[in-house]
Amino acid sequence: MAILGYSNIRSVDHVVFHFVPAQGKTLSTSDISIDGAALFGPYYQSAASNTVGSAFEYDQVFNLSEDASVVGAVQVTLVNSLGSSQTETAQ
């Protein structure tokens, strides 16, 4: 999953993924929270991020223990000290 975004304060504390099951299916795990500070902290402290301001591209790969057809959509929300982003959905 590829996420393009920006953080005005150059900080992302958590990345929350919510997996929505396909119609008639169930998922063994529906929510995953990732430590955004560990991922985004080094990036925002690097010289490379200075050239693009607060913009980022974040790619997250998921290894499924189930067939991918059970996933109907994935929702993602980014969280920092100012609050939560708008939740975006990928199908």
PDB file of N, CA and C in Angstrom:
ATOM      1  N   MET A   1       0.848  -1.147   0.000  1.00  0.00           N
ATOM      2  CA  MET A   1       0.000   0.000   0.000  1.00  0.00           C
ATOM      3  C   MET A   1       0.903   1.222   0.000  1.00  0.00           C
ATOM      4  N   ALA A   2       0.621   2.183  -0.869  1.00  0.00           N
ATOM      5  CA  ALA A   2       1.407   3.411  -0.956  1.00  0.00           C
ATOM      6  C   ALA A   2       0.577   4.576  -0.436  1.00  0.00           C
ATOM      7  N   ILE A   3       1.188   5.361   0.425  1.00  0.00           N
ATOM      8  CA  ILE A   3       0.520   6.519   1.015  1.00  0.00           C
ATOM      9  C   ILE A   3       1.347   7.754   0.688  1.00  0.00           C
ATOM     10  N   LEU A   4       0.729   8.722   0.067  1.00  0.00           N
ATOM     11  CA  LEU A   4       1.356  10.016  -0.188  1.00  0.00           C
ATOM     12  C   LEU A   4       0.716  11.018   0.740  1.00  0.00           C
ATOM     13  N   GLY A   5       1.526  11.810   1.433  1.00  0.00           N
ATOM     14  CA  GLY A   5       0.956  12.770   2.366  1.00  0.00           C
ATOM     15  C   GLY A   5       1.975  13.788   2.819  1.00  0.00           C
ATOM     16  N   TYR A   6       1.564  14.529   3.828  1.00  0.00           N
ATOM     17  CA  TYR A   6       2.461  15.490   4.446  1.00  0.00           C
ATOM     18  C   TYR A   6       2.037  15.702   5.886  1.00  0.00           C
ATOM     19  N   SER A   7       2.962  16.136   6.697  1.00  0.00           N
ATOM     20  CA  SER A   7       2.702  16.474   8.089  1.00  0.00           C
ATOM     21  C   SER A   7       3.289  17.850   8.334  1.00  0.00           C
ATOM     22  N   ASN A   8       2.426  18.823   8.569  1.00  0.00           N
ATOM     23  CA  ASN A   8       2.892  20.199   8.780  1.00  0.00           C
ATOM     24  C   ASN A   8       3.916  20.307   9.906  1.00  0.00           C
ATOM     25  N   ILE A   9       3.785  19.441  10.904  1.00  0.00           N
ATOM     26  CA  ILE A   9       4.733  19.497  12.028  1.00  0.00           C
ATOM     27  C   ILE A   9       5.857  18.470  11.876  1.00  0.00           C
ATOM     28  N   ARG A  10       5.903  17.831  10.691  1.00  0.00           N
ATOM     29  CA  ARG A  10       6.961  16.871  10.385  1.00  0.00           C
ATOM     30  C   ARG A  10       7.058  15.768  11.440  1.00  0.00           C
ATOM     31  N   SER A  11       5.906  15.189  11.740  1.00  0.00           N
ATOM     32  CA  SER A  11       5.846  14.143  12.758  1.00  0.00           C
ATOM     33  C   SER A  11       4.649  13.232  12.494  1.00  0.00           C
ATOM     34  N   VAL A  12       4.870  11.932  12.568  1.00  0.00           N
ATOM     35  CA  VAL A  12       3.791  10.945  12.526  1.00  0.00           C
ATOM     36  C   VAL A  12       4.077   9.963  13.654  1.00  0.00           C
ATOM     37  N   ASP A  13       3.169   9.886  14.623  1.00  0.00           N
ATOM     38  CA  ASP A  13       3.381   9.032  15.786  1.00  0.00           C
ATOM     39  C   ASP A  13       2.903   7.601  15.576  1.00  0.00           C
ATOM     40  N   HIS A  14       1.766   7.457  14.899  1.00  0.00           N
ATOM     41  CA  HIS A  14       1.189   6.129  14.665  1.00  0.00           C
ATOM     42  C   HIS A  14       0.571   6.077  13.268  1.00  0.00           C
ATOM     43  N   VAL A  15       0.623   4.913  12.676  1.00  0.00           N
ATOM     44  CA  VAL A  15      -0.085   4.635  11.431  1.00  0.00           C
ATOM     45  C   VAL A  15      -1.018   3.470  11.743  1.00  0.00           C
ATOM     46  N   VAL A  16      -2.318   3.697  11.561  1.00  0.00           N
ATOM     47  CA  VAL A  16      -3.310   2.693  11.920  1.00  0.00           C
ATOM     48  C   VAL A  16      -3.987   2.185  10.651  1.00  0.00           C
ATOM     49  N   PHE A  17      -3.896   0.880  10.436  1.00  0.00           N
ATOM     50  CA  PHE A  17      -4.532   0.233   9.296  1.00  0.00           C
ATOM     51  C   PHE A  17      -5.717  -0.577   9.809  1.00  0.00           C
ATOM     52  N   HIS A  18      -6.853  -0.425   9.139  1.00  0.00           N
ATOM     53  CA  HIS A  18      -8.050  -1.200   9.469  1.00  0.00           C
ATOM     54  C   HIS A  18      -8.450  -1.969   8.215  1.00  0.00           C
ATOM     55  N   PHE A  19      -8.462  -3.287   8.327  1.00  0.00           N
ATOM     56  CA  PHE A  19      -8.825  -4.147   7.212  1.00  0.00           C
ATOM     57  C   PHE A  19     -10.316  -4.446   7.284  1.00  0.00           C
ATOM     58  N   VAL A  20     -11.019  -4.161   6.205  1.00  0.00           N
ATOM     59  CA  VAL A  20     -12.451  -4.399   6.114  1.00  0.00           C
ATOM     60  C   VAL A  20     -12.646  -5.692   5.327  1.00  0.00           C
ATOM     61  N   PRO A  21     -13.363  -6.645   5.898  1.00  0.00           N
ATOM     62  CA  PRO A  21     -13.540  -7.899   5.168  1.00  0.00           C
ATOM     63  C   PRO A  21     -14.434  -7.726   3.946  1.00  0.00           C
ATOM     64  N   ALA A  22     -14.182  -8.546   2.931  1.00  0.00           N
ATOM     65  CA  ALA A  22     -15.065  -8.584   1.766  1.00  0.00           C
ATOM     66  C   ALA A  22     -16.419  -9.108   2.232  1.00  0.00           C
ATOM     67  N   GLN A  23     -17.433  -8.785   1.478  1.00  0.00           N
ATOM     68  CA  GLN A  23     -18.790  -9.191   1.840  1.00  0.00           C
ATOM     69  C   GLN A  23     -18.861 -10.701   2.042  1.00  0.00           C
ATOM     70  N   GLY A  24     -19.393 -11.094   3.199  1.00  0.00           N
ATOM     71  CA  GLY A  24     -19.549 -12.506   3.517  1.00  0.00           C
ATOM     72  C   GLY A  24     -18.297 -13.176   4.034  1.00  0.00           C
ATOM     73  N   LYS A  25     -17.213 -12.431   4.206  1.00  0.00           N
ATOM     74  CA  LYS A  25     -15.939 -13.000   4.672  1.00  0.00           C
ATOM     75  C   LYS A  25     -15.631 -12.497   6.083  1.00  0.00           C
ATOM     76  N   THR A  26     -14.705 -13.154   6.749  1.00  0.00           N
ATOM     77  CA  THR A  26     -14.222 -12.707   8.053  1.00  0.00           C
ATOM     78  C   THR A  26     -12.700 -12.673   8.017  1.00  0.00           C
ATOM     79  N   LEU A  27     -12.148 -11.826   8.867  1.00  0.00           N
ATOM     80  CA  LEU A  27     -10.693 -11.690   8.969  1.00  0.00           C
ATOM     81  C   LEU A  27     -10.256 -12.094  10.365  1.00  0.00           C
ATOM     82  N   SER A  28      -9.110 -12.740  10.462  1.00  0.00           N
ATOM     83  CA  SER A  28      -8.594 -13.116  11.784  1.00  0.00           C
ATOM     84  C   SER A  28      -8.014 -11.904  12.511  1.00  0.00           C
ATOM     85  N   THR A  29      -7.508 -10.930  11.768  1.00  0.00           N
ATOM     86  CA  THR A  29      -6.977  -9.689  12.332  1.00  0.00           C
ATOM     87  C   THR A  29      -7.509  -8.541  11.494  1.00  0.00           C
ATOM     88  N   SER A  30      -8.072  -7.521  12.156  1.00  0.00           N
ATOM     89  CA  SER A  30      -8.618  -6.416  11.372  1.00  0.00           C
ATOM     90  C   SER A  30      -7.888  -5.096  11.597  1.00  0.00           C
ATOM     91  N   ASP A  31      -7.136  -4.960  12.676  1.00  0.00           N
ATOM     92  CA  ASP A  31      -6.462  -3.699  12.961  1.00  0.00           C
ATOM     93  C   ASP A  31      -4.981  -3.908  13.229  1.00  0.00           C
ATOM     94  N   ILE A  32      -4.176  -3.046  12.620  1.00  0.00           N
ATOM     95  CA  ILE A  32      -2.729  -3.069  12.838  1.00  0.00           C
ATOM     96  C   ILE A  32      -2.283  -1.637  13.081  1.00  0.00           C
ATOM     97  N   SER A  33      -1.559  -1.418  14.172  1.00  0.00           N
ATOM     98  CA  SER A  33      -1.001  -0.104  14.475  1.00  0.00           C
ATOM     99  C   SER A  33       0.516  -0.193  14.388  1.00  0.00           C
ATOM    100  N   ILE A  34       1.102   0.743  13.654  1.00  0.00           N
ATOM    101  CA  ILE A  34       2.550   0.749  13.439  1.00  0.00           C
ATOM    102  C   ILE A  34       3.145   1.991  14.085  1.00  0.00           C
ATOM    103  N   ASP A  35       4.296   1.828  14.704  1.00  0.00           N
ATOM    104  CA  ASP A  35       5.001   2.937  15.350  1.00  0.00           C
ATOM    105  C   ASP A  35       5.506   3.910  14.287  1.00  0.00           C
ATOM    106  N   GLY A  36       4.771   4.974  14.070  1.00  0.00           N
ATOM    107  CA  GLY A  36       5.141   5.961  13.070  1.00  0.00           C
ATOM    108  C   GLY A  36       6.382   6.750  13.438  1.00  0.00           C
ATOM    109  N   ALA A  37       6.592   6.952  14.730  1.00  0.00           N
ATOM    110  CA  ALA A  37       7.766   7.721  15.159  1.00  0.00           C
ATOM    111  C   ALA A  37       9.056   7.020  14.740  1.00  0.00           C
ATOM    112  N   ALA A  38       9.076   5.701  14.834  1.00  0.00           N
ATOM    113  CA  ALA A  38      10.265   4.943  14.441  1.00  0.00           C
ATOM    114  C   ALA A  38      10.499   5.020  12.930  1.00  0.00           C
ATOM    115  N   LEU A  39       9.424   5.129  12.154  1.00  0.00           N
ATOM    116  CA  LEU A  39       9.552   5.200  10.698  1.00  0.00           C
ATOM    117  C   LEU A  39       9.803   6.612  10.203  1.00  0.00           C
ATOM    118  N   PHE A  40       9.010   7.556  10.693  1.00  0.00           N
ATOM    119  CA  PHE A  40       9.055   8.915  10.166  1.00  0.00           C
ATOM    120  C   PHE A  40      10.086   9.806  10.852  1.00  0.00           C
ATOM    121  N   GLY A  41      10.421   9.499  12.099  1.00  0.00           N
ATOM    122  CA  GLY A  41      11.400  10.317  12.825  1.00  0.00           C
ATOM    123  C   GLY A  41      12.720  10.460  12.095  1.00  0.00           C
ATOM    124  N   PRO A  42      13.361   9.340  11.739  1.00  0.00           N
ATOM    125  CA  PRO A  42      14.629   9.441  11.020  1.00  0.00           C
ATOM    126  C   PRO A  42      14.487  10.152   9.671  1.00  0.00           C
ATOM    127  N   TYR A  43      13.368   9.925   9.002  1.00  0.00           N
ATOM    128  CA  TYR A  43      13.153  10.589   7.706  1.00  0.00           C
ATOM    129  C   TYR A  43      13.068  12.100   7.884  1.00  0.00           C
ATOM    130  N   TYR A  44      12.247  12.554   8.811  1.00  0.00           N
ATOM    131  CA  TYR A  44      12.080  13.994   8.998  1.00  0.00           C
ATOM    132  C   TYR A  44      13.331  14.660   9.571  1.00  0.00           C
ATOM    133  N   GLN A  45      14.243  13.880  10.159  1.00  0.00           N
ATOM    134  CA  GLN A  45      15.497  14.434  10.652  1.00  0.00           C
ATOM    135  C   GLN A  45      16.592  14.405   9.592  1.00  0.00           C
ATOM    136  N   SER A  46      16.315  13.786   8.456  1.00  0.00           N
ATOM    137  CA  SER A  46      17.335  13.651   7.414  1.00  0.00           C
ATOM    138  C   SER A  46      17.355  14.858   6.487  1.00  0.00           C
ATOM    139  N   ALA A  47      18.496  15.057   5.854  1.00  0.00           N
ATOM    140  CA  ALA A  47      18.638  16.141   4.880  1.00  0.00           C
ATOM    141  C   ALA A  47      17.733  15.917   3.675  1.00  0.00           C
ATOM    142  N   ALA A  48      17.478  14.665   3.338  1.00  0.00           N
ATOM    143  CA  ALA A  48      16.638  14.355   2.176  1.00  0.00           C
ATOM    144  C   ALA A  48      15.229  14.933   2.322  1.00  0.00           C
ATOM    145  N   SER A  49      14.694  14.929   3.529  1.00  0.00           N
ATOM    146  CA  SER A  49      13.328  15.441   3.722  1.00  0.00           C
ATOM    147  C   SER A  49      13.264  16.965   3.614  1.00  0.00           C
ATOM    148  N   ASN A  50      14.380  17.626   3.823  1.00  0.00           N
ATOM    149  CA  ASN A  50      14.388  19.094   3.745  1.00  0.00           C
ATOM    150  C   ASN A  50      14.040  19.599   2.351  1.00  0.00           C
ATOM    151  N   THR A  51      14.349  18.815   1.333  1.00  0.00           N
ATOM    152  CA  THR A  51      14.086  19.264  -0.043  1.00  0.00           C
ATOM    153  C   THR A  51      12.610  19.188  -0.411  1.00  0.00           C
ATOM    154  N   VAL A  52      11.828  18.407   0.339  1.00  0.00           N
ATOM    155  CA  VAL A  52      10.403  18.258   0.034  1.00  0.00           C
ATOM    156  C   VAL A  52       9.516  18.793   1.153  1.00  0.00           C
ATOM    157  N   GLY A  53      10.104  19.463   2.111  1.00  0.00           N
ATOM    158  CA  GLY A  53       9.313  20.022   3.213  1.00  0.00           C
ATOM    159  C   GLY A  53       8.751  18.927   4.093  1.00  0.00           C
ATOM    160  N   SER A  54       7.433  18.908   4.207  1.00  0.00           N
ATOM    161  CA  SER A  54       6.797  17.935   5.087  1.00  0.00           C
ATOM    162  C   SER A  54       6.177  16.766   4.323  1.00  0.00           C
ATOM    163  N   ALA A  55       6.389  16.710   3.008  1.00  0.00           N
ATOM    164  CA  ALA A  55       5.797  15.655   2.175  1.00  0.00           C
ATOM    165  C   ALA A  55       6.511  14.322   2.381  1.00  0.00           C
ATOM    166  N   PHE A  56       5.766  13.236   2.153  1.00  0.00           N
ATOM    167  CA  PHE A  56       6.358  11.907   2.245  1.00  0.00           C
ATOM    168  C   PHE A  56       5.618  10.938   1.337  1.00  0.00           C
ATOM    169  N   GLU A  57       6.303   9.855   1.014  1.00  0.00           N
ATOM    170  CA  GLU A  57       5.684   8.683   0.411  1.00  0.00           C
ATOM    171  C   GLU A  57       6.021   7.516   1.317  1.00  0.00           C
ATOM    172  N   TYR A  58       4.997   6.836   1.762  1.00  0.00           N
ATOM    173  CA  TYR A  58       5.169   5.723   2.699  1.00  0.00           C
ATOM    174  C   TYR A  58       4.585   4.470   2.049  1.00  0.00           C
ATOM    175  N   ASP A  59       5.407   3.455   1.878  1.00  0.00           N
ATOM    176  CA  ASP A  59       4.967   2.180   1.311  1.00  0.00           C
ATOM    177  C   ASP A  59       4.952   1.133   2.411  1.00  0.00           C
ATOM    178  N   GLN A  60       3.820   0.447   2.536  1.00  0.00           N
ATOM    179  CA  GLN A  60       3.690  -0.605   3.542  1.00  0.00           C
ATOM    180  C   GLN A  60       3.262  -1.890   2.849  1.00  0.00           C
ATOM    181  N   VAL A  61       4.025  -2.941   3.067  1.00  0.00           N
ATOM    182  CA  VAL A  61       3.712  -4.258   2.513  1.00  0.00           C
ATOM    183  C   VAL A  61       3.110  -5.107   3.627  1.00  0.00           C
ATOM    184  N   PHE A  62       2.076  -5.842   3.293  1.00  0.00           N
ATOM    185  CA  PHE A  62       1.456  -6.749   4.247  1.00  0.00           C
ATOM    186  C   PHE A  62       1.563  -8.175   3.723  1.00  0.00           C
ATOM    187  N   ASN A  63       2.023  -9.072   4.573  1.00  0.00           N
ATOM    188  CA  ASN A  63       2.033 -10.498   4.264  1.00  0.00           C
ATOM    189  C   ASN A  63       0.796 -11.103   4.913  1.00  0.00           C
ATOM    190  N   LEU A  64      -0.076 -11.649   4.099  1.00  0.00           N
ATOM    191  CA  LEU A  64      -1.331 -12.192   4.597  1.00  0.00           C
ATOM    192  C   LEU A  64      -1.216 -13.683   4.869  1.00  0.00           C
ATOM    193  N   SER A  65      -1.854 -14.111   5.941  1.00  0.00           N
ATOM    194  CA  SER A  65      -1.921 -15.541   6.223  1.00  0.00           C
ATOM    195  C   SER A  65      -3.199 -16.132   5.632  1.00  0.00           C
ATOM    196  N   GLU A  66      -4.009 -15.271   5.009  1.00  0.00           N
ATOM    197  CA  GLU A  66      -5.257 -15.682   4.382  1.00  0.00           C
ATOM    198  C   GLU A  66      -5.211 -15.281   2.908  1.00  0.00           C
ATOM    199  N   ASP A  67      -6.125 -15.790   2.138  1.00  0.00           N
ATOM    200  CA  ASP A  67      -6.225 -15.401   0.741  1.00  0.00           C
ATOM    201  C   ASP A  67      -6.616 -13.930   0.670  1.00  0.00           C
ATOM    202  N   ALA A  68      -5.997 -13.195  -0.229  1.00  0.00           N
ATOM    203  CA  ALA A  68      -6.246 -11.751  -0.334  1.00  0.00           C
ATOM    204  C   ALA A  68      -7.698 -11.417  -0.671  1.00  0.00           C
ATOM    205  N   SER A  69      -8.435 -12.364  -1.206  1.00  0.00           N
ATOM    206  CA  SER A  69      -9.831 -12.095  -1.571  1.00  0.00           C
ATOM    207  C   SER A  69     -10.722 -11.857  -0.358  1.00  0.00           C
ATOM    208  N   VAL A  70     -10.266 -12.186   0.846  1.00  0.00           N
ATOM    209  CA  VAL A  70     -11.083 -11.932   2.041  1.00  0.00           C
ATOM    210  C   VAL A  70     -11.036 -10.463   2.452  1.00  0.00           C
ATOM    211  N   VAL A  71     -10.093  -9.696   1.902  1.00  0.00           N
ATOM    212  CA  VAL A  71      -9.969  -8.273   2.224  1.00  0.00           C
ATOM    213  C   VAL A  71     -10.759  -7.466   1.206  1.00  0.00           C
ATOM    214  N   GLY A  72     -11.754  -6.732   1.689  1.00  0.00           N
ATOM    215  CA  GLY A  72     -12.554  -5.892   0.814  1.00  0.00           C
ATOM    216  C   GLY A  72     -11.964  -4.516   0.632  1.00  0.00           C
ATOM    217  N   ALA A  73     -11.341  -4.000   1.697  1.00  0.00           N
ATOM    218  CA  ALA A  73     -10.748  -2.661   1.662  1.00  0.00           C
ATOM    219  C   ALA A  73      -9.779  -2.526   2.828  1.00  0.00           C
ATOM    220  N   VAL A  74      -8.914  -1.528   2.711  1.00  0.00           N
ATOM    221  CA  VAL A  74      -8.000  -1.187   3.803  1.00  0.00           C
ATOM    222  C   VAL A  74      -8.150   0.305   4.065  1.00  0.00           C
ATOM    223  N   GLN A  75      -8.367   0.646   5.326  1.00  0.00           N
ATOM    224  CA  GLN A  75      -8.457   2.048   5.723  1.00  0.00           C
ATOM    225  C   GLN A  75      -7.193   2.408   6.483  1.00  0.00           C
ATOM    226  N   VAL A  76      -6.714   3.634   6.290  1.00  0.00           N
ATOM    227  CA  VAL A  76      -5.499   4.068   6.988  1.00  0.00           C
ATOM    228  C   VAL A  76      -5.726   5.443   7.599  1.00  0.00           C
ATOM    229  N   THR A  77      -5.226   5.588   8.818  1.00  0.00           N
ATOM    230  CA  THR A  77      -5.281   6.859   9.537  1.00  0.00           C
ATOM    231  C   THR A  77      -3.899   7.108  10.130  1.00  0.00           C
ATOM    232  N   LEU A  78      -3.391   8.326   9.953  1.00  0.00           N
ATOM    233  CA  LEU A  78      -2.115   8.705  10.554  1.00  0.00           C
ATOM    234  C   LEU A  78      -2.398   9.610  11.742  1.00  0.00           C
ATOM    235  N   VAL A  79      -1.599   9.459  12.796  1.00  0.00           N
ATOM    236  CA  VAL A  79      -1.829  10.184  14.044  1.00  0.00           C
ATOM    237  C   VAL A  79      -0.541  10.875  14.479  1.00  0.00           C
ATOM    238  N   ASN A  80      -0.665  12.145  14.896  1.00  0.00           N
ATOM    239  CA  ASN A  80       0.460  12.838  15.527  1.00  0.00           C
ATOM    240  C   ASN A  80      -0.083  13.660  16.691  1.00  0.00           C
ATOM    241  N   SER A  81       0.734  14.512  17.266  1.00  0.00           N
ATOM    242  CA  SER A  81       0.340  15.247  18.469  1.00  0.00           C
ATOM    243  C   SER A  81      -0.816  16.222  18.229  1.00  0.00           C
ATOM    244  N   LEU A  82      -1.084  16.552  16.969  1.00  0.00           N
ATOM    245  CA  LEU A  82      -2.202  17.443  16.656  1.00  0.00           C
ATOM    246  C   LEU A  82      -3.514  16.701  16.460  1.00  0.00           C
ATOM    247  N   GLY A  83      -3.447  15.386  16.359  1.00  0.00           N
ATOM    248  CA  GLY A  83      -4.664  14.598  16.185  1.00  0.00           C
ATOM    249  C   GLY A  83      -4.526  13.582  15.067  1.00  0.00           C
ATOM    250  N   SER A  84      -5.664  13.165  14.530  1.00  0.00           N
ATOM    251  CA  SER A  84      -5.712  12.141  13.496  1.00  0.00           C
ATOM    252  C   SER A  84      -6.004  12.738  12.133  1.00  0.00           C
ATOM    253  N   SER A  85      -5.421  12.133  11.121  1.00  0.00           N
ATOM    254  CA  SER A  85      -5.701  12.527   9.744  1.00  0.00           C
ATOM    255  C   SER A  85      -7.098  12.060   9.361  1.00  0.00           C
ATOM    256  N   GLN A  86      -7.527  12.501   8.217  1.00  0.00           N
ATOM    257  CA  GLN A  86      -8.731  11.955   7.627  1.00  0.00           C
ATOM    258  C   GLN A  86      -8.441  10.505   7.265  1.00  0.00           C
ATOM    259  N   THR A  87      -9.357   9.608   7.555  1.00  0.00           N
ATOM    260  CA  THR A  87      -9.181   8.208   7.196  1.00  0.00           C
ATOM    261  C   THR A  87      -9.389   8.046   5.702  1.00  0.00           C
ATOM    262  N   GLU A  88      -8.457   7.388   5.054  1.00  0.00           N
ATOM    263  CA  GLU A  88      -8.543   7.131   3.622  1.00  0.00           C
ATOM    264  C   GLU A  88      -8.723   5.627   3.403  1.00  0.00           C
ATOM    265  N   THR A  89      -9.450   5.290   2.363  1.00  0.00           N
ATOM    266  CA  THR A  89      -9.771   3.897   2.070  1.00  0.00           C
ATOM    267  C   THR A  89      -9.234   3.500   0.699  1.00  0.00           C
ATOM    268  N   ALA A  90      -8.608   2.329   0.637  1.00  0.00           N
ATOM    269  CA  ALA A  90      -8.150   1.741  -0.620  1.00  0.00           C
ATOM    270  C   ALA A  90      -8.879   0.417  -0.800  1.00  0.00           C
ATOM    271  N   GLN A  91      -9.331   0.167  -2.018  1.00  0.00           N
ATOM    272  CA  GLN A  91     -10.035  -1.083  -2.270  1.00  0.00           C
ATOM    273  C   GLN A  91      -9.272  -1.925  -3.249  1.00  0.00           C
TER     274      GLN A  91
END
